[in-house]
Every structure is written in structure tokens, then in C-alpha cells.
Amino acid sequence: MNKEYYYKMLENKRAFIYKEDYRLVCLITFYICNNIEKYIKVDPWKVLEDDPDGNICYIAQLITDKHIDNLKLSYKIKKDFKSYIQDNFKNVEIFKHVRYKNGILKNYREYSNATRCV
């Protein structure tokens, strides 16, 4: 893990932390933008500029503690994250998450703000 990356994302208010009791369940880093192209296939530890008035919430990283109860918590985390984005970034209409591993697309998700997210 790159602590400097996470500190900068927290400082930029581009990180969402979910805690349950005394454990850190998950950490989501994200960008707000109108086009995700500059965020795809970029060094995952590079902090980029974004547009706080953008209409897309691009999820850069999503890490969890791998606890057995996380599956039960996942819908609550999704709901809380969506609420956080809606409260702080009024123009966001779409959530996107693109995951590459070794330059190969492994997963792509897109959800509208009106339905599910993440």
C-alpha cells in the first residue's frame, strides 16, 4: 500500500472510509469527472486532478479487510457511499468502476445514480 497516495486522497476529500465497531471495513478512493479516460490504465498510485462539478464518480480503488461479515455489510456500504457522493457532489449521475490487472480489463461496472451504485 502507498500511504502517501491515501493521505493525499483523504486530503483532497476523494476517499470514503467505512468502519464497523473498531475495524476499518473498507476504503474507497474516487474521482469526480465528466470523462473517465484519463483515469483508466494510469499508475494506481498517482493522484490526479478531477472536476468537483463532474457528473461521473469514478471509483479508483476499493479495498476491504476481507472479514467474513463484509458480504452482509456490502449493501449498507454501497448505500452510505452513494449518499456521501450525492450529499457532496450534486452533479453526479453515474458511478463507474473499471478494474485492470496486468493491462487486461478484469471488470467494468456502471450504475446510474437513480439505481444501484458500486
PDB file of N, CA and C in Angstrom:
ATOM      1  N   MET A   1       0.835  -1.193   0.000  1.00  0.00           N
ATOM      2  CA  MET A   1       0.000   0.000   0.000  1.00  0.00           C
ATOM      3  C   MET A   1       0.872   1.245   0.000  1.00  0.00           C
ATOM      4  N   ASN A   2       0.398   2.253  -0.649  1.00  0.00           N
ATOM      5  CA  ASN A   2       1.100   3.516  -0.753  1.00  0.00           C
ATOM      6  C   ASN A   2       0.418   4.543   0.151  1.00  0.00           C
ATOM      7  N   LYS A   3       0.962   4.735   1.345  1.00  0.00           N
ATOM      8  CA  LYS A   3       0.341   5.630   2.326  1.00  0.00           C
ATOM      9  C   LYS A   3       0.227   7.057   1.801  1.00  0.00           C
ATOM     10  N   GLU A   4       1.226   7.506   1.061  1.00  0.00           N
ATOM     11  CA  GLU A   4       1.207   8.877   0.536  1.00  0.00           C
ATOM     12  C   GLU A   4      -0.011   9.093  -0.369  1.00  0.00           C
ATOM     13  N   TYR A   5      -0.305   8.103  -1.203  1.00  0.00           N
ATOM     14  CA  TYR A   5      -1.482   8.179  -2.086  1.00  0.00           C
ATOM     15  C   TYR A   5      -2.752   8.352  -1.255  1.00  0.00           C
ATOM     16  N   TYR A   6      -2.935   7.499  -0.245  1.00  0.00           N
ATOM     17  CA  TYR A   6      -4.147   7.552   0.562  1.00  0.00           C
ATOM     18  C   TYR A   6      -4.247   8.844   1.363  1.00  0.00           C
ATOM     19  N   TYR A   7      -3.136   9.340   1.876  1.00  0.00           N
ATOM     20  CA  TYR A   7      -3.160  10.616   2.600  1.00  0.00           C
ATOM     21  C   TYR A   7      -3.578  11.756   1.678  1.00  0.00           C
ATOM     22  N   LYS A   8      -3.058  11.765   0.454  1.00  0.00           N
ATOM     23  CA  LYS A   8      -3.419  12.816  -0.496  1.00  0.00           C
ATOM     24  C   LYS A   8      -4.889  12.724  -0.890  1.00  0.00           C
ATOM     25  N   MET A   9      -5.371  11.498  -1.093  1.00  0.00           N
ATOM     26  CA  MET A   9      -6.777  11.335  -1.460  1.00  0.00           C
ATOM     27  C   MET A   9      -7.686  11.759  -0.308  1.00  0.00           C
ATOM     28  N   LEU A  10      -7.298  11.453   0.916  1.00  0.00           N
ATOM     29  CA  LEU A  10      -8.067  11.916   2.079  1.00  0.00           C
ATOM     30  C   LEU A  10      -8.047  13.436   2.166  1.00  0.00           C
ATOM     31  N   GLU A  11      -6.883  14.010   1.956  1.00  0.00           N
ATOM     32  CA  GLU A  11      -6.730  15.466   1.996  1.00  0.00           C
ATOM     33  C   GLU A  11      -7.587  16.140   0.920  1.00  0.00           C
ATOM     34  N   ASN A  12      -7.678  15.513  -0.253  1.00  0.00           N
ATOM     35  CA  ASN A  12      -8.473  16.037  -1.367  1.00  0.00           C
ATOM     36  C   ASN A  12      -9.956  15.708  -1.246  1.00  0.00           C
ATOM     37  N   LYS A  13     -10.320  15.028  -0.159  1.00  0.00           N
ATOM     38  CA  LYS A  13     -11.702  14.592   0.056  1.00  0.00           C
ATOM     39  C   LYS A  13     -12.186  13.669  -1.062  1.00  0.00           C
ATOM     40  N   ARG A  14     -11.293  12.783  -1.482  1.00  0.00           N
ATOM     41  CA  ARG A  14     -11.594  11.797  -2.521  1.00  0.00           C
ATOM     42  C   ARG A  14     -11.409  10.378  -1.985  1.00  0.00           C
ATOM     43  N   ALA A  15     -11.711  10.221  -0.712  1.00  0.00           N
ATOM     44  CA  ALA A  15     -11.655   8.903  -0.086  1.00  0.00           C
ATOM     45  C   ALA A  15     -12.859   8.751   0.836  1.00  0.00           C
ATOM     46  N   PHE A  16     -13.426   7.565   0.825  1.00  0.00           N
ATOM     47  CA  PHE A  16     -14.566   7.228   1.667  1.00  0.00           C
ATOM     48  C   PHE A  16     -14.146   6.062   2.550  1.00  0.00           C
ATOM     49  N   ILE A  17     -14.279   6.232   3.846  1.00  0.00           N
ATOM     50  CA  ILE A  17     -13.883   5.208   4.809  1.00  0.00           C
ATOM     51  C   ILE A  17     -15.124   4.672   5.496  1.00  0.00           C
ATOM     52  N   TYR A  18     -15.221   3.360   5.576  1.00  0.00           N
ATOM     53  CA  TYR A  18     -16.334   2.737   6.286  1.00  0.00           C
ATOM     54  C   TYR A  18     -15.772   1.906   7.432  1.00  0.00           C
ATOM     55  N   LYS A  19     -16.245   2.206   8.649  1.00  0.00           N
ATOM     56  CA  LYS A  19     -15.819   1.479   9.845  1.00  0.00           C
ATOM     57  C   LYS A  19     -17.019   0.802  10.479  1.00  0.00           C
ATOM     58  N   GLU A  20     -16.790  -0.349  11.041  1.00  0.00           N
ATOM     59  CA  GLU A  20     -17.804  -1.087  11.784  1.00  0.00           C
ATOM     60  C   GLU A  20     -17.176  -1.450  13.122  1.00  0.00           C
ATOM     61  N   ASP A  21     -17.788  -0.987  14.188  1.00  0.00           N
ATOM     62  CA  ASP A  21     -17.203  -1.146  15.524  1.00  0.00           C
ATOM     63  C   ASP A  21     -15.808  -0.524  15.509  1.00  0.00           C
ATOM     64  N   TYR A  22     -14.792  -1.317  15.758  1.00  0.00           N
ATOM     65  CA  TYR A  22     -13.428  -0.782  15.818  1.00  0.00           C
ATOM     66  C   TYR A  22     -12.566  -1.185  14.629  1.00  0.00           C
ATOM     67  N   ARG A  23     -13.169  -1.710  13.596  1.00  0.00           N
ATOM     68  CA  ARG A  23     -12.356  -2.147  12.459  1.00  0.00           C
ATOM     69  C   ARG A  23     -12.652  -1.320  11.213  1.00  0.00           C
ATOM     70  N   LEU A  24     -11.624  -1.132  10.427  1.00  0.00           N
ATOM     71  CA  LEU A  24     -11.754  -0.458   9.141  1.00  0.00           C
ATOM     72  C   LEU A  24     -12.226  -1.512   8.139  1.00  0.00           C
ATOM     73  N   VAL A  25     -13.454  -1.400   7.701  1.00  0.00           N
ATOM     74  CA  VAL A  25     -14.043  -2.394   6.808  1.00  0.00           C
ATOM     75  C   VAL A  25     -13.578  -2.172   5.375  1.00  0.00           C
ATOM     76  N   CYS A  26     -13.707  -0.919   4.899  1.00  0.00           N
ATOM     77  CA  CYS A  26     -13.276  -0.657   3.521  1.00  0.00           C
ATOM     78  C   CYS A  26     -12.871   0.801   3.335  1.00  0.00           C
ATOM     79  N   LEU A  27     -12.125   0.989   2.274  1.00  0.00           N
ATOM     80  CA  LEU A  27     -11.667   2.309   1.861  1.00  0.00           C
ATOM     81  C   LEU A  27     -11.880   2.398   0.358  1.00  0.00           C
ATOM     82  N   ILE A  28     -12.573   3.446  -0.058  1.00  0.00           N
ATOM     83  CA  ILE A  28     -12.829   3.665  -1.477  1.00  0.00           C
ATOM     84  C   ILE A  28     -12.209   5.000  -1.863  1.00  0.00           C
ATOM     85  N   THR A  29     -11.360   4.991  -2.890  1.00  0.00           N
ATOM     86  CA  THR A  29     -10.858   6.247  -3.436  1.00  0.00           C
ATOM     87  C   THR A  29     -11.565   6.470  -4.770  1.00  0.00           C
ATOM     88  N   PHE A  30     -11.793   7.731  -5.094  1.00  0.00           N
ATOM     89  CA  PHE A  30     -12.597   8.042  -6.276  1.00  0.00           C
ATOM     90  C   PHE A  30     -12.212   9.397  -6.843  1.00  0.00           C
ATOM     91  N   TYR A  31     -12.657   9.625  -8.063  1.00  0.00           N
ATOM     92  CA  TYR A  31     -12.525  10.920  -8.723  1.00  0.00           C
ATOM     93  C   TYR A  31     -13.906  11.338  -9.218  1.00  0.00           C
ATOM     94  N   ILE A  32     -14.131  12.627  -9.292  1.00  0.00           N
ATOM     95  CA  ILE A  32     -15.348  13.175  -9.870  1.00  0.00           C
ATOM     96  C   ILE A  32     -14.936  13.799 -11.203  1.00  0.00           C
ATOM     97  N   CYS A  33     -15.613  13.404 -12.281  1.00  0.00           N
ATOM     98  CA  CYS A  33     -15.187  13.854 -13.612  1.00  0.00           C
ATOM     99  C   CYS A  33     -16.352  13.798 -14.585  1.00  0.00           C
ATOM    100  N   ASN A  34     -16.079  14.184 -15.817  1.00  0.00           N
ATOM    101  CA  ASN A  34     -17.050  14.076 -16.909  1.00  0.00           C
ATOM    102  C   ASN A  34     -16.630  13.023 -17.920  1.00  0.00           C
ATOM    103  N   ASN A  35     -15.373  12.573 -17.826  1.00  0.00           N
ATOM    104  CA  ASN A  35     -14.830  11.577 -18.749  1.00  0.00           C
ATOM    105  C   ASN A  35     -13.785  10.761 -17.991  1.00  0.00           C
ATOM    106  N   ILE A  36     -13.913   9.452 -17.991  1.00  0.00           N
ATOM    107  CA  ILE A  36     -13.011   8.613 -17.188  1.00  0.00           C
ATOM    108  C   ILE A  36     -11.725   8.226 -17.915  1.00  0.00           C
ATOM    109  N   GLU A  37     -11.580   8.603 -19.171  1.00  0.00           N
ATOM    110  CA  GLU A  37     -10.442   8.140 -19.976  1.00  0.00           C
ATOM    111  C   GLU A  37      -9.078   8.403 -19.333  1.00  0.00           C
ATOM    112  N   LYS A  38      -8.883   9.565 -18.725  1.00  0.00           N
ATOM    113  CA  LYS A  38      -7.562   9.870 -18.161  1.00  0.00           C
ATOM    114  C   LYS A  38      -7.268   9.080 -16.883  1.00  0.00           C
ATOM    115  N   TYR A  39      -8.282   8.432 -16.305  1.00  0.00           N
ATOM    116  CA  TYR A  39      -8.095   7.670 -15.072  1.00  0.00           C
ATOM    117  C   TYR A  39      -7.892   6.173 -15.313  1.00  0.00           C
ATOM    118  N   ILE A  40      -8.192   5.732 -16.526  1.00  0.00           N
ATOM    119  CA  ILE A  40      -8.068   4.311 -16.854  1.00  0.00           C
ATOM    120  C   ILE A  40      -6.622   4.002 -17.246  1.00  0.00           C
ATOM    121  N   LYS A  41      -6.118   2.889 -16.787  1.00  0.00           N
ATOM    122  CA  LYS A  41      -4.773   2.398 -17.104  1.00  0.00           C
ATOM    123  C   LYS A  41      -3.675   3.371 -16.683  1.00  0.00           C
ATOM    124  N   VAL A  42      -3.930   4.183 -15.680  1.00  0.00           N
ATOM    125  CA  VAL A  42      -2.920   5.099 -15.164  1.00  0.00           C
ATOM    126  C   VAL A  42      -2.264   4.436 -13.947  1.00  0.00           C
ATOM    127  N   ASP A  43      -1.104   4.901 -13.573  1.00  0.00           N
ATOM    128  CA  ASP A  43      -0.448   4.407 -12.370  1.00  0.00           C
ATOM    129  C   ASP A  43      -1.434   4.519 -11.207  1.00  0.00           C
ATOM    130  N   PRO A  44      -1.773   3.397 -10.551  1.00  0.00           N
ATOM    131  CA  PRO A  44      -2.785   3.445  -9.496  1.00  0.00           C
ATOM    132  C   PRO A  44      -2.376   4.263  -8.272  1.00  0.00           C
ATOM    133  N   TRP A  45      -1.104   4.638  -8.179  1.00  0.00           N
ATOM    134  CA  TRP A  45      -0.641   5.410  -7.020  1.00  0.00           C
ATOM    135  C   TRP A  45      -0.450   6.885  -7.353  1.00  0.00           C
ATOM    136  N   LYS A  46      -0.852   7.289  -8.530  1.00  0.00           N
ATOM    137  CA  LYS A  46      -0.732   8.687  -8.933  1.00  0.00           C
ATOM    138  C   LYS A  46      -2.044   9.405  -8.601  1.00  0.00           C
ATOM    139  N   VAL A  47      -1.944  10.532  -7.911  1.00  0.00           N
ATOM    140  CA  VAL A  47      -3.123  11.333  -7.580  1.00  0.00           C
ATOM    141  C   VAL A  47      -3.320  12.345  -8.701  1.00  0.00           C
ATOM    142  N   LEU A  48      -4.490  12.289  -9.323  1.00  0.00           N
ATOM    143  CA  LEU A  48      -4.802  13.148 -10.460  1.00  0.00           C
ATOM    144  C   LEU A  48      -5.800  14.227 -10.076  1.00  0.00           C
ATOM    145  N   GLU A  49      -5.828  15.282 -10.856  1.00  0.00           N
ATOM    146  CA  GLU A  49      -6.829  16.340 -10.678  1.00  0.00           C
ATOM    147  C   GLU A  49      -8.160  15.842 -11.229  1.00  0.00           C
ATOM    148  N   ASP A  50      -9.235  16.328 -10.659  1.00  0.00           N
ATOM    149  CA  ASP A  50     -10.553  15.986 -11.166  1.00  0.00           C
ATOM    150  C   ASP A  50     -11.431  17.224 -11.204  1.00  0.00           C
ATOM    151  N   ASP A  51     -12.707  17.031 -11.517  1.00  0.00           N
ATOM    152  CA  ASP A  51     -13.646  18.149 -11.645  1.00  0.00           C
ATOM    153  C   ASP A  51     -14.775  17.956 -10.630  1.00  0.00           C
ATOM    154  N   PRO A  52     -14.763  18.702  -9.522  1.00  0.00           N
ATOM    155  CA  PRO A  52     -15.792  18.527  -8.496  1.00  0.00           C
ATOM    156  C   PRO A  52     -17.217  18.745  -8.994  1.00  0.00           C
ATOM    157  N   ASP A  53     -17.368  19.369 -10.163  1.00  0.00           N
ATOM    158  CA  ASP A  53     -18.691  19.593 -10.736  1.00  0.00           C
ATOM    159  C   ASP A  53     -19.046  18.551 -11.786  1.00  0.00           C
ATOM    160  N   GLY A  54     -18.237  17.509 -11.908  1.00  0.00           N
ATOM    161  CA  GLY A  54     -18.471  16.470 -12.908  1.00  0.00           C
ATOM    162  C   GLY A  54     -19.710  15.644 -12.626  1.00  0.00           C
ATOM    163  N   ASN A  55     -20.099  14.848 -13.626  1.00  0.00           N
ATOM    164  CA  ASN A  55     -21.305  14.030 -13.484  1.00  0.00           C
ATOM    165  C   ASN A  55     -21.010  12.538 -13.297  1.00  0.00           C
ATOM    166  N   ILE A  56     -19.727  12.164 -13.207  1.00  0.00           N
ATOM    167  CA  ILE A  56     -19.341  10.766 -13.030  1.00  0.00           C
ATOM    168  C   ILE A  56     -18.512  10.626 -11.764  1.00  0.00           C
ATOM    169  N   CYS A  57     -18.832   9.618 -10.980  1.00  0.00           N
ATOM    170  CA  CYS A  57     -17.988   9.232  -9.845  1.00  0.00           C
ATOM    171  C   CYS A  57     -17.222   7.998 -10.304  1.00  0.00           C
ATOM    172  N   TYR A  58     -15.941   8.182 -10.546  1.00  0.00           N
ATOM    173  CA  TYR A  58     -15.085   7.080 -10.991  1.00  0.00           C
ATOM    174  C   TYR A  58     -14.374   6.489  -9.775  1.00  0.00           C
ATOM    175  N   ILE A  59     -14.633   5.238  -9.484  1.00  0.00           N
ATOM    176  CA  ILE A  59     -14.010   4.566  -8.342  1.00  0.00           C
ATOM    177  C   ILE A  59     -12.628   4.096  -8.756  1.00  0.00           C
ATOM    178  N   ALA A  60     -11.616   4.675  -8.130  1.00  0.00           N
ATOM    179  CA  ALA A  60     -10.231   4.344  -8.463  1.00  0.00           C
ATOM    180  C   ALA A  60      -9.788   3.071  -7.755  1.00  0.00           C
ATOM    181  N   GLN A  61     -10.024   2.999  -6.461  1.00  0.00           N
ATOM    182  CA  GLN A  61      -9.620   1.825  -5.683  1.00  0.00           C
ATOM    183  C   GLN A  61     -10.688   1.505  -4.649  1.00  0.00           C
ATOM    184  N   LEU A  62     -10.875   0.222  -4.418  1.00  0.00           N
ATOM    185  CA  LEU A  62     -11.801  -0.251  -3.408  1.00  0.00           C
ATOM    186  C   LEU A  62     -11.097  -1.390  -2.680  1.00  0.00           C
ATOM    187  N   ILE A  63     -10.729  -1.152  -1.434  1.00  0.00           N
ATOM    188  CA  ILE A  63     -10.037  -2.196  -0.677  1.00  0.00           C
ATOM    189  C   ILE A  63     -10.833  -2.518   0.581  1.00  0.00           C
ATOM    190  N   THR A  64     -10.789  -3.790   0.984  1.00  0.00           N
ATOM    191  CA  THR A  64     -11.502  -4.221   2.178  1.00  0.00           C
ATOM    192  C   THR A  64     -10.564  -5.009   3.075  1.00  0.00           C
ATOM    193  N   ASP A  65     -11.042  -5.262   4.294  1.00  0.00           N
ATOM    194  CA  ASP A  65     -10.243  -6.044   5.239  1.00  0.00           C
ATOM    195  C   ASP A  65     -10.497  -7.546   5.107  1.00  0.00           C
ATOM    196  N   LYS A  66     -11.317  -7.961   4.174  1.00  0.00           N
ATOM    197  CA  LYS A  66     -11.603  -9.373   3.871  1.00  0.00           C
ATOM    198  C   LYS A  66     -12.284 -10.120   5.021  1.00  0.00           C
ATOM    199  N   HIS A  67     -12.948  -9.389   5.904  1.00  0.00           N
ATOM    200  CA  HIS A  67     -13.653 -10.008   7.035  1.00  0.00           C
ATOM    201  C   HIS A  67     -14.870 -10.785   6.540  1.00  0.00           C
ATOM    202  N   ILE A  68     -15.214 -11.837   7.213  1.00  0.00           N
ATOM    203  CA  ILE A  68     -16.332 -12.701   6.806  1.00  0.00           C
ATOM    204  C   ILE A  68     -17.673 -11.963   6.778  1.00  0.00           C
ATOM    205  N   ASP A  69     -17.854 -10.939   7.594  1.00  0.00           N
ATOM    206  CA  ASP A  69     -19.115 -10.191   7.648  1.00  0.00           C
ATOM    207  C   ASP A  69     -19.253  -9.139   6.547  1.00  0.00           C
ATOM    208  N   ASN A  70     -18.237  -8.946   5.736  1.00  0.00           N
ATOM    209  CA  ASN A  70     -18.292  -7.887   4.724  1.00  0.00           C
ATOM    210  C   ASN A  70     -19.400  -8.082   3.703  1.00  0.00           C
ATOM    211  N   LEU A  71     -19.709  -9.325   3.363  1.00  0.00           N
ATOM    212  CA  LEU A  71     -20.791  -9.563   2.413  1.00  0.00           C
ATOM    213  C   LEU A  71     -22.111  -9.023   2.956  1.00  0.00           C
ATOM    214  N   LYS A  72     -22.351  -9.223   4.240  1.00  0.00           N
ATOM    215  CA  LYS A  72     -23.567  -8.708   4.878  1.00  0.00           C
ATOM    216  C   LYS A  72     -23.585  -7.184   4.875  1.00  0.00           C
ATOM    217  N   LEU A  73     -22.422  -6.577   5.019  1.00  0.00           N
ATOM    218  CA  LEU A  73     -22.321  -5.116   5.097  1.00  0.00           C
ATOM    219  C   LEU A  73     -22.315  -4.439   3.732  1.00  0.00           C
ATOM    220  N   SER A  74     -22.089  -5.186   2.663  1.00  0.00           N
ATOM    221  CA  SER A  74     -21.855  -4.578   1.354  1.00  0.00           C
ATOM    222  C   SER A  74     -22.980  -3.654   0.895  1.00  0.00           C
ATOM    223  N   TYR A  75     -24.235  -4.010   1.112  1.00  0.00           N
ATOM    224  CA  TYR A  75     -25.339  -3.155   0.669  1.00  0.00           C
ATOM    225  C   TYR A  75     -25.415  -1.875   1.488  1.00  0.00           C
ATOM    226  N   LYS A  76     -25.120  -1.958   2.765  1.00  0.00           N
ATOM    227  CA  LYS A  76     -25.105  -0.757   3.613  1.00  0.00           C
ATOM    228  C   LYS A  76     -23.961   0.166   3.189  1.00  0.00           C
ATOM    229  N   ILE A  77     -22.802  -0.417   2.905  1.00  0.00           N
ATOM    230  CA  ILE A  77     -21.659   0.379   2.454  1.00  0.00           C
ATOM    231  C   ILE A  77     -21.991   1.069   1.136  1.00  0.00           C
ATOM    232  N   LYS A  78     -22.588   0.347   0.194  1.00  0.00           N
ATOM    233  CA  LYS A  78     -22.978   0.934  -1.092  1.00  0.00           C
ATOM    234  C   LYS A  78     -23.942   2.099  -0.891  1.00  0.00           C
ATOM    235  N   LYS A  79     -24.936   1.889  -0.032  1.00  0.00           N
ATOM    236  CA  LYS A  79     -25.925   2.938   0.250  1.00  0.00           C
ATOM    237  C   LYS A  79     -25.266   4.155   0.883  1.00  0.00           C
ATOM    238  N   ASP A  80     -24.404   3.936   1.864  1.00  0.00           N
ATOM    239  CA  ASP A  80     -23.726   5.050   2.542  1.00  0.00           C
ATOM    240  C   ASP A  80     -22.779   5.791   1.600  1.00  0.00           C
ATOM    241  N   PHE A  81     -22.082   5.055   0.749  1.00  0.00           N
ATOM    242  CA  PHE A  81     -21.180   5.686  -0.219  1.00  0.00           C
ATOM    243  C   PHE A  81     -21.974   6.533  -1.207  1.00  0.00           C
ATOM    244  N   LYS A  82     -23.054   5.979  -1.715  1.00  0.00           N
ATOM    245  CA  LYS A  82     -23.897   6.722  -2.659  1.00  0.00           C
ATOM    246  C   LYS A  82     -24.438   7.993  -2.008  1.00  0.00           C
ATOM    247  N   SER A  83     -24.872   7.888  -0.762  1.00  0.00           N
ATOM    248  CA  SER A  83     -25.373   9.065  -0.043  1.00  0.00           C
ATOM    249  C   SER A  83     -24.269  10.104   0.141  1.00  0.00           C
ATOM    250  N   TYR A  84     -23.069   9.645   0.471  1.00  0.00           N
ATOM    251  CA  TYR A  84     -21.928  10.551   0.637  1.00  0.00           C
ATOM    252  C   TYR A  84     -21.670  11.326  -0.664  1.00  0.00           C
ATOM    253  N   ILE A  85     -21.678  10.617  -1.775  1.00  0.00           N
ATOM    254  CA  ILE A  85     -21.431  11.263  -3.070  1.00  0.00           C
ATOM    255  C   ILE A  85     -22.568  12.235  -3.390  1.00  0.00           C
ATOM    256  N   GLN A  86     -23.810  11.811  -3.208  1.00  0.00           N
ATOM    257  CA  GLN A  86     -24.952  12.685  -3.509  1.00  0.00           C
ATOM    258  C   GLN A  86     -24.945  13.943  -2.654  1.00  0.00           C
ATOM    259  N   ASP A  87     -24.547  13.814  -1.395  1.00  0.00           N
ATOM    260  CA  ASP A  87     -24.520  14.960  -0.486  1.00  0.00           C
ATOM    261  C   ASP A  87     -23.398  15.941  -0.815  1.00  0.00           C
ATOM    262  N   ASN A  88     -22.280  15.434  -1.330  1.00  0.00           N
ATOM    263  CA  ASN A  88     -21.101  16.275  -1.541  1.00  0.00           C
ATOM    264  C   ASN A  88     -20.835  16.659  -2.987  1.00  0.00           C
ATOM    265  N   PHE A  89     -21.409  15.923  -3.926  1.00  0.00           N
ATOM    266  CA  PHE A  89     -21.173  16.178  -5.355  1.00  0.00           C
ATOM    267  C   PHE A  89     -22.519  16.071  -6.071  1.00  0.00           C
ATOM    268  N   LYS A  90     -23.248  17.155  -6.062  1.00  0.00           N
ATOM    269  CA  LYS A  90     -24.648  17.189  -6.516  1.00  0.00           C
ATOM    270  C   LYS A  90     -24.849  16.822  -7.984  1.00  0.00           C
ATOM    271  N   ASN A  91     -23.831  16.988  -8.821  1.00  0.00           N
ATOM    272  CA  ASN A  91     -23.988  16.742 -10.253  1.00  0.00           C
ATOM    273  C   ASN A  91     -23.776  15.287 -10.662  1.00  0.00           C
ATOM    274  N   VAL A  92     -23.306  14.452  -9.750  1.00  0.00           N
ATOM    275  CA  VAL A  92     -23.002  13.065 -10.110  1.00  0.00           C
ATOM    276  C   VAL A  92     -24.276  12.313 -10.472  1.00  0.00           C
ATOM    277  N   GLU A  93     -24.256  11.717 -11.662  1.00  0.00           N
ATOM    278  CA  GLU A  93     -25.380  10.934 -12.171  1.00  0.00           C
ATOM    279  C   GLU A  93     -25.011   9.464 -12.377  1.00  0.00           C
ATOM    280  N   ILE A  94     -23.713   9.194 -12.534  1.00  0.00           N
ATOM    281  CA  ILE A  94     -23.250   7.849 -12.882  1.00  0.00           C
ATOM    282  C   ILE A  94     -22.071   7.458 -12.001  1.00  0.00           C
ATOM    283  N   PHE A  95     -22.033   6.199 -11.603  1.00  0.00           N
ATOM    284  CA  PHE A  95     -20.903   5.626 -10.880  1.00  0.00           C
ATOM    285  C   PHE A  95     -20.234   4.614 -11.807  1.00  0.00           C
ATOM    286  N   LYS A  96     -18.899   4.686 -11.923  1.00  0.00           N
ATOM    287  CA  LYS A  96     -18.175   3.748 -12.778  1.00  0.00           C
ATOM    288  C   LYS A  96     -16.997   3.168 -12.008  1.00  0.00           C
ATOM    289  N   HIS A  97     -16.751   1.896 -12.264  1.00  0.00           N
ATOM    290  CA  HIS A  97     -15.599   1.210 -11.677  1.00  0.00           C
ATOM    291  C   HIS A  97     -14.998   0.320 -12.749  1.00  0.00           C
ATOM    292  N   VAL A  98     -13.760   0.596 -13.115  1.00  0.00           N
ATOM    293  CA  VAL A  98     -13.045  -0.184 -14.113  1.00  0.00           C
ATOM    294  C   VAL A  98     -11.836  -0.782 -13.422  1.00  0.00           C
ATOM    295  N   ARG A  99     -11.652  -2.094 -13.548  1.00  0.00           N
ATOM    296  CA  ARG A  99     -10.535  -2.746 -12.884  1.00  0.00           C
ATOM    297  C   ARG A  99      -9.675  -3.467 -13.905  1.00  0.00           C
ATOM    298  N   TYR A 100      -8.399  -3.094 -13.951  1.00  0.00           N
ATOM    299  CA  TYR A 100      -7.428  -3.743 -14.815  1.00  0.00           C
ATOM    300  C   TYR A 100      -6.433  -4.503 -13.955  1.00  0.00           C
ATOM    301  N   LYS A 101      -5.946  -5.614 -14.473  1.00  0.00           N
ATOM    302  CA  LYS A 101      -4.871  -6.344 -13.828  1.00  0.00           C
ATOM    303  C   LYS A 101      -3.896  -6.738 -14.921  1.00  0.00           C
ATOM    304  N   ASN A 102      -2.651  -6.293 -14.774  1.00  0.00           N
ATOM    305  CA  ASN A 102      -1.618  -6.561 -15.772  1.00  0.00           C
ATOM    306  C   ASN A 102      -2.036  -6.088 -17.166  1.00  0.00           C
ATOM    307  N   GLY A 103      -2.717  -4.940 -17.229  1.00  0.00           N
ATOM    308  CA  GLY A 103      -3.110  -4.354 -18.503  1.00  0.00           C
ATOM    309  C   GLY A 103      -4.320  -4.994 -19.157  1.00  0.00           C
ATOM    310  N   ILE A 104      -4.967  -5.937 -18.475  1.00  0.00           N
ATOM    311  CA  ILE A 104      -6.127  -6.628 -19.027  1.00  0.00           C
ATOM    312  C   ILE A 104      -7.372  -6.227 -18.242  1.00  0.00           C
ATOM    313  N   LEU A 105      -8.430  -5.876 -18.965  1.00  0.00           N
ATOM    314  CA  LEU A 105      -9.690  -5.497 -18.322  1.00  0.00           C
ATOM    315  C   LEU A 105     -10.266  -6.706 -17.594  1.00  0.00           C
ATOM    316  N   LYS A 106     -10.435  -6.568 -16.287  1.00  0.00           N
ATOM    317  CA  LYS A 106     -10.969  -7.656 -15.472  1.00  0.00           C
ATOM    318  C   LYS A 106     -12.428  -7.426 -15.103  1.00  0.00           C
ATOM    319  N   ASN A 107     -12.816  -6.174 -14.974  1.00  0.00           N
ATOM    320  CA  ASN A 107     -14.158  -5.891 -14.502  1.00  0.00           C
ATOM    321  C   ASN A 107     -14.536  -4.465 -14.898  1.00  0.00           C
ATOM    322  N   TYR A 108     -15.772  -4.267 -15.331  1.00  0.00           N
ATOM    323  CA  TYR A 108     -16.274  -2.934 -15.641  1.00  0.00           C
ATOM    324  C   TYR A 108     -17.703  -2.863 -15.123  1.00  0.00           C
ATOM    325  N   ARG A 109     -17.974  -1.849 -14.317  1.00  0.00           N
ATOM    326  CA  ARG A 109     -19.326  -1.655 -13.779  1.00  0.00           C
ATOM    327  C   ARG A 109     -19.731  -0.200 -13.960  1.00  0.00           C
ATOM    328  N   GLU A 110     -20.981  -0.017 -14.319  1.00  0.00           N
ATOM    329  CA  GLU A 110     -21.537   1.331 -14.426  1.00  0.00           C
ATOM    330  C   GLU A 110     -22.966   1.294 -13.908  1.00  0.00           C
ATOM    331  N   TYR A 111     -23.266   2.224 -13.020  1.00  0.00           N
ATOM    332  CA  TYR A 111     -24.605   2.327 -12.448  1.00  0.00           C
ATOM    333  C   TYR A 111     -25.036   3.772 -12.470  1.00  0.00           C
ATOM    334  N   SER A 112     -26.311   3.984 -12.759  1.00  0.00           N
ATOM    335  CA  SER A 112     -26.823   5.355 -12.717  1.00  0.00           C
ATOM    336  C   SER A 112     -27.115   5.718 -11.276  1.00  0.00           C
ATOM    337  N   ASN A 113     -27.157   6.993 -10.999  1.00  0.00           N
ATOM    338  CA  ASN A 113     -27.422   7.498  -9.657  1.00  0.00           C
ATOM    339  C   ASN A 113     -28.831   7.123  -9.197  1.00  0.00           C
ATOM    340  N   ALA A 114     -29.722   6.915 -10.141  1.00  0.00           N
ATOM    341  CA  ALA A 114     -31.106   6.611  -9.797  1.00  0.00           C
ATOM    342  C   ALA A 114     -31.293   5.166  -9.333  1.00  0.00           C
ATOM    343  N   THR A 115     -30.314   4.304  -9.630  1.00  0.00           N
ATOM    344  CA  THR A 115     -30.453   2.901  -9.271  1.00  0.00           C
ATOM    345  C   THR A 115     -29.348   2.502  -8.291  1.00  0.00           C
ATOM    346  N   ARG A 116     -28.768   1.352  -8.508  1.00  0.00           N
ATOM    347  CA  ARG A 116     -27.701   0.855  -7.639  1.00  0.00           C
ATOM    348  C   ARG A 116     -26.405   1.610  -7.932  1.00  0.00           C
ATOM    349  N   CYS A 117     -25.465   1.494  -7.027  1.00  0.00           N
ATOM    350  CA  CYS A 117     -24.151   2.056  -7.274  1.00  0.00           C
ATOM    351  C   CYS A 117     -23.096   1.083  -6.812  1.00  0.00           C
ATOM    352  N   VAL A 118     -21.882   1.294  -7.278  1.00  0.00           N
ATOM    353  CA  VAL A 118     -20.701   0.490  -6.948  1.00  0.00           C
ATOM    354  C   VAL A 118     -20.948  -0.922  -7.242  1.00  0.00           C
TER     355      VAL A 118
END
